[in-house]
Amino acid sequence: MTTNESGPQVLESPRDRDDLAAGEAPPIVEEPPADEETGRDDDFAQLWAEARVSYFAQDFPKYASPAWKALHPDDPRRLAGALEAAEMWRKYGDEEALLAWFRDATRSRGPIYSTPLLAQRDAAAETKPPHQLQATPGWPPVRIPGKPGRYLTYQHSHQEAA
């Protein structure tokens, strides 16, 4: 910002500063009067205050509904609907995901006899016997567990423990 007799003013662009010869004054553009800027601030403050009143009075259509879309963009009830939707998103997250969770939690389940019985679950959980090791042609000897120094090797016509 530069100052001169008329008050604070703004340079047009940084490029203009580089092209100035010694002693030349930069071209200046006056800042808008303070009344114009505060007038816009007052409009925003009024819109926010009216939207809060509508929000707390629950006097607004649901966000993105046809009634909400029909409202003028400057209508405080439109902002109140958006505020309510944002607050619901903050509290509960995605509405569709929440509804899907409710549908899944409340859906009817199949009869109790369609689930595996406890005996079937116990049978499935039992340990299986260890498998028999077999040597395979082309593979290296296999160490036999629990018998140090013993390997299972493949012999041309049959398998043999060494």
Protein backbone atom coordinates (compact mmCIF):
# COMPACT_ATOMS: atom_id res chain seq x y z
CA MET A 1 0.00 0.00 0.00
CA THR A 2 1.14 3.51 -0.68
CA THR A 3 -0.06 6.71 0.85
CA ASN A 4 -0.40 10.16 -0.61
CA GLU A 5 -2.49 13.21 0.21
CA SER A 6 -5.85 11.50 -0.55
CA GLY A 7 -5.26 8.53 1.78
CA PRO A 8 -4.37 4.84 1.36
CA GLN A 9 -4.38 3.50 -2.19
CA VAL A 10 -3.47 0.20 -3.88
CA LEU A 11 -0.99 -0.41 -6.72
CA GLU A 12 -2.50 -1.76 -9.93
CA SER A 13 -0.18 -4.80 -10.24
CA PRO A 14 3.32 -5.91 -9.22
CA ARG A 15 4.42 -5.84 -12.88
CA ASP A 16 3.80 -2.07 -13.00
CA ARG A 17 6.23 -1.59 -10.09
CA ASP A 18 9.11 -3.15 -12.04
CA ASP A 19 8.62 -0.89 -15.07
CA LEU A 20 8.83 2.39 -13.14
CA ALA A 21 11.67 4.77 -13.94
CA ALA A 22 13.44 6.54 -11.13
CA GLY A 23 11.27 9.16 -9.52
CA GLU A 24 8.03 8.23 -11.29
CA ALA A 25 4.94 7.71 -9.19
CA PRO A 26 3.21 4.35 -9.66
CA PRO A 27 -0.28 4.34 -11.19
CA ILE A 28 -2.82 3.89 -8.40
CA VAL A 29 -6.33 2.57 -8.06
CA GLU A 30 -8.43 3.81 -5.19
CA GLU A 31 -9.84 1.31 -2.66
CA PRO A 32 -13.62 1.08 -2.52
CA PRO A 33 -15.24 3.24 0.13
CA ALA A 34 -15.83 1.50 3.46
CA ASP A 35 -19.65 1.86 3.20
CA GLU A 36 -19.93 -0.47 0.18
CA GLU A 37 -17.96 -3.24 1.85
CA THR A 38 -19.80 -3.07 5.16
CA GLY A 39 -23.12 -3.08 3.31
CA ARG A 40 -22.31 -6.54 1.97
CA ASP A 41 -21.24 -7.68 5.44
CA ASP A 42 -24.56 -6.48 6.84
CA ASP A 43 -26.42 -8.52 4.19
CA PHE A 44 -24.49 -11.66 5.16
CA ALA A 45 -25.06 -11.07 8.86
CA GLN A 46 -28.78 -10.55 8.28
CA LEU A 47 -29.02 -13.70 6.11
CA TRP A 48 -27.18 -15.71 8.78
CA ALA A 49 -29.40 -14.38 11.58
CA GLU A 50 -32.60 -15.15 9.64
CA ALA A 51 -31.31 -18.63 8.75
CA ARG A 52 -30.61 -19.35 12.44
CA VAL A 53 -34.13 -18.26 13.34
CA SER A 54 -35.56 -20.56 10.65
CA TYR A 55 -33.27 -23.40 11.75
CA PHE A 56 -34.31 -23.23 15.40
CA ALA A 57 -37.98 -22.79 14.48
CA GLN A 58 -37.73 -25.84 12.15
CA ASP A 59 -39.42 -23.66 9.51
CA PHE A 60 -37.61 -24.88 6.39
CA PRO A 61 -37.91 -27.68 3.81
CA LYS A 62 -35.57 -30.68 3.85
CA TYR A 63 -32.28 -30.12 2.02
CA ALA A 64 -32.37 -30.95 -1.72
CA SER A 65 -36.13 -31.59 -1.67
CA PRO A 66 -38.26 -30.05 -4.47
CA ALA A 67 -39.52 -27.42 -2.02
CA TRP A 68 -35.95 -26.56 -1.02
CA LYS A 69 -34.90 -26.30 -4.68
CA ALA A 70 -37.82 -23.97 -5.39
CA LEU A 71 -36.60 -21.42 -2.81
CA HIS A 72 -34.69 -18.34 -3.97
CA PRO A 73 -30.93 -18.64 -3.36
CA ASP A 74 -31.03 -15.71 -0.91
CA ASP A 75 -33.89 -17.20 1.12
CA PRO A 76 -32.71 -17.86 4.71
CA ARG A 77 -34.82 -21.05 4.83
CA ARG A 78 -32.59 -22.46 2.08
CA LEU A 79 -29.49 -21.82 4.19
CA ALA A 80 -31.26 -23.28 7.24
CA GLY A 81 -31.96 -26.49 5.29
CA ALA A 82 -28.31 -26.73 4.27
CA LEU A 83 -27.23 -26.11 7.88
CA GLU A 84 -29.52 -28.88 9.11
CA ALA A 85 -28.16 -31.33 6.49
CA ALA A 86 -24.57 -30.44 7.43
CA GLU A 87 -25.31 -30.95 11.12
CA MET A 88 -26.93 -34.33 10.43
CA TRP A 89 -23.90 -35.35 8.36
CA ARG A 90 -21.60 -34.31 11.21
CA LYS A 91 -23.57 -36.29 13.78
CA TYR A 92 -24.61 -39.37 11.83
CA GLY A 93 -22.50 -39.52 8.65
CA ASP A 94 -23.84 -40.61 5.29
CA GLU A 95 -27.62 -40.99 5.40
CA GLU A 96 -27.72 -43.73 2.76
CA ALA A 97 -25.05 -45.79 4.56
CA LEU A 98 -26.94 -45.35 7.85
CA LEU A 99 -30.21 -46.49 6.26
CA ALA A 100 -28.45 -49.49 4.68
CA TRP A 101 -27.07 -50.43 8.10
CA PHE A 102 -30.56 -50.19 9.65
CA ARG A 103 -32.01 -52.35 6.85
CA ASP A 104 -29.32 -54.98 7.37
CA ALA A 105 -29.65 -54.92 11.17
CA THR A 106 -33.42 -55.35 11.05
CA ARG A 107 -33.73 -57.80 8.15
CA SER A 108 -35.27 -61.15 8.97
CA ARG A 109 -32.81 -63.94 9.42
CA GLY A 110 -33.27 -67.55 8.34
CA PRO A 111 -34.51 -70.17 10.78
CA ILE A 112 -32.15 -71.26 13.52
CA TYR A 113 -31.84 -74.75 12.08
CA SER A 114 -30.27 -73.37 8.90
CA THR A 115 -27.10 -72.41 10.80
CA PRO A 116 -24.46 -75.07 11.54
CA LEU A 117 -25.03 -76.95 14.77
CA LEU A 118 -22.50 -76.84 17.58
CA ALA A 119 -21.50 -80.46 16.89
CA GLN A 120 -20.84 -79.59 13.23
CA ARG A 121 -18.69 -76.63 14.27
CA ASP A 122 -16.76 -78.78 16.74
CA ALA A 123 -16.14 -81.45 14.06
CA ALA A 124 -14.86 -78.81 11.66
CA ALA A 125 -12.50 -77.44 14.34
CA GLU A 126 -10.85 -80.81 15.14
CA THR A 127 -7.22 -81.19 14.16
CA LYS A 128 -6.54 -83.29 11.12
CA PRO A 129 -3.97 -86.11 11.12
CA PRO A 130 -0.63 -85.18 9.56
CA HIS A 131 -0.25 -86.08 5.91
CA GLN A 132 2.21 -88.69 4.69
CA LEU A 133 5.38 -87.28 3.17
CA GLN A 134 6.13 -88.43 -0.34
CA ALA A 135 9.26 -87.82 -2.34
CA THR A 136 8.66 -86.49 -5.82
CA PRO A 137 10.90 -86.90 -8.88
CA GLY A 138 12.97 -83.79 -9.60
CA TRP A 139 12.64 -82.39 -6.06
CA PRO A 140 15.42 -82.39 -3.45
CA PRO A 141 15.31 -84.77 -0.47
CA VAL A 142 12.71 -83.95 2.21
CA ARG A 143 13.77 -83.77 5.87
CA ILE A 144 11.64 -86.06 8.05
CA PRO A 145 10.27 -84.10 11.03
CA GLY A 146 11.23 -85.47 14.46
CA LYS A 147 14.01 -87.68 13.04
CA PRO A 148 17.24 -85.70 12.83
CA GLY A 149 19.49 -86.62 9.92
CA ARG A 150 16.82 -88.66 8.09
CA TYR A 151 15.63 -87.60 4.65
CA LEU A 152 13.02 -88.93 2.28
CA THR A 153 14.50 -89.35 -1.19
CA TYR A 154 12.97 -90.50 -4.45
CA GLN A 155 14.25 -93.77 -5.88
CA HIS A 156 13.47 -94.57 -9.52
CA SER A 157 10.85 -97.23 -8.96
CA HIS A 158 9.76 -96.58 -5.38
CA GLN A 159 10.14 -94.24 -2.38
CA GLU A 160 12.56 -95.07 0.38
CA ALA A 161 13.51 -93.48 3.69
CA ALA A 162 17.28 -93.00 3.94
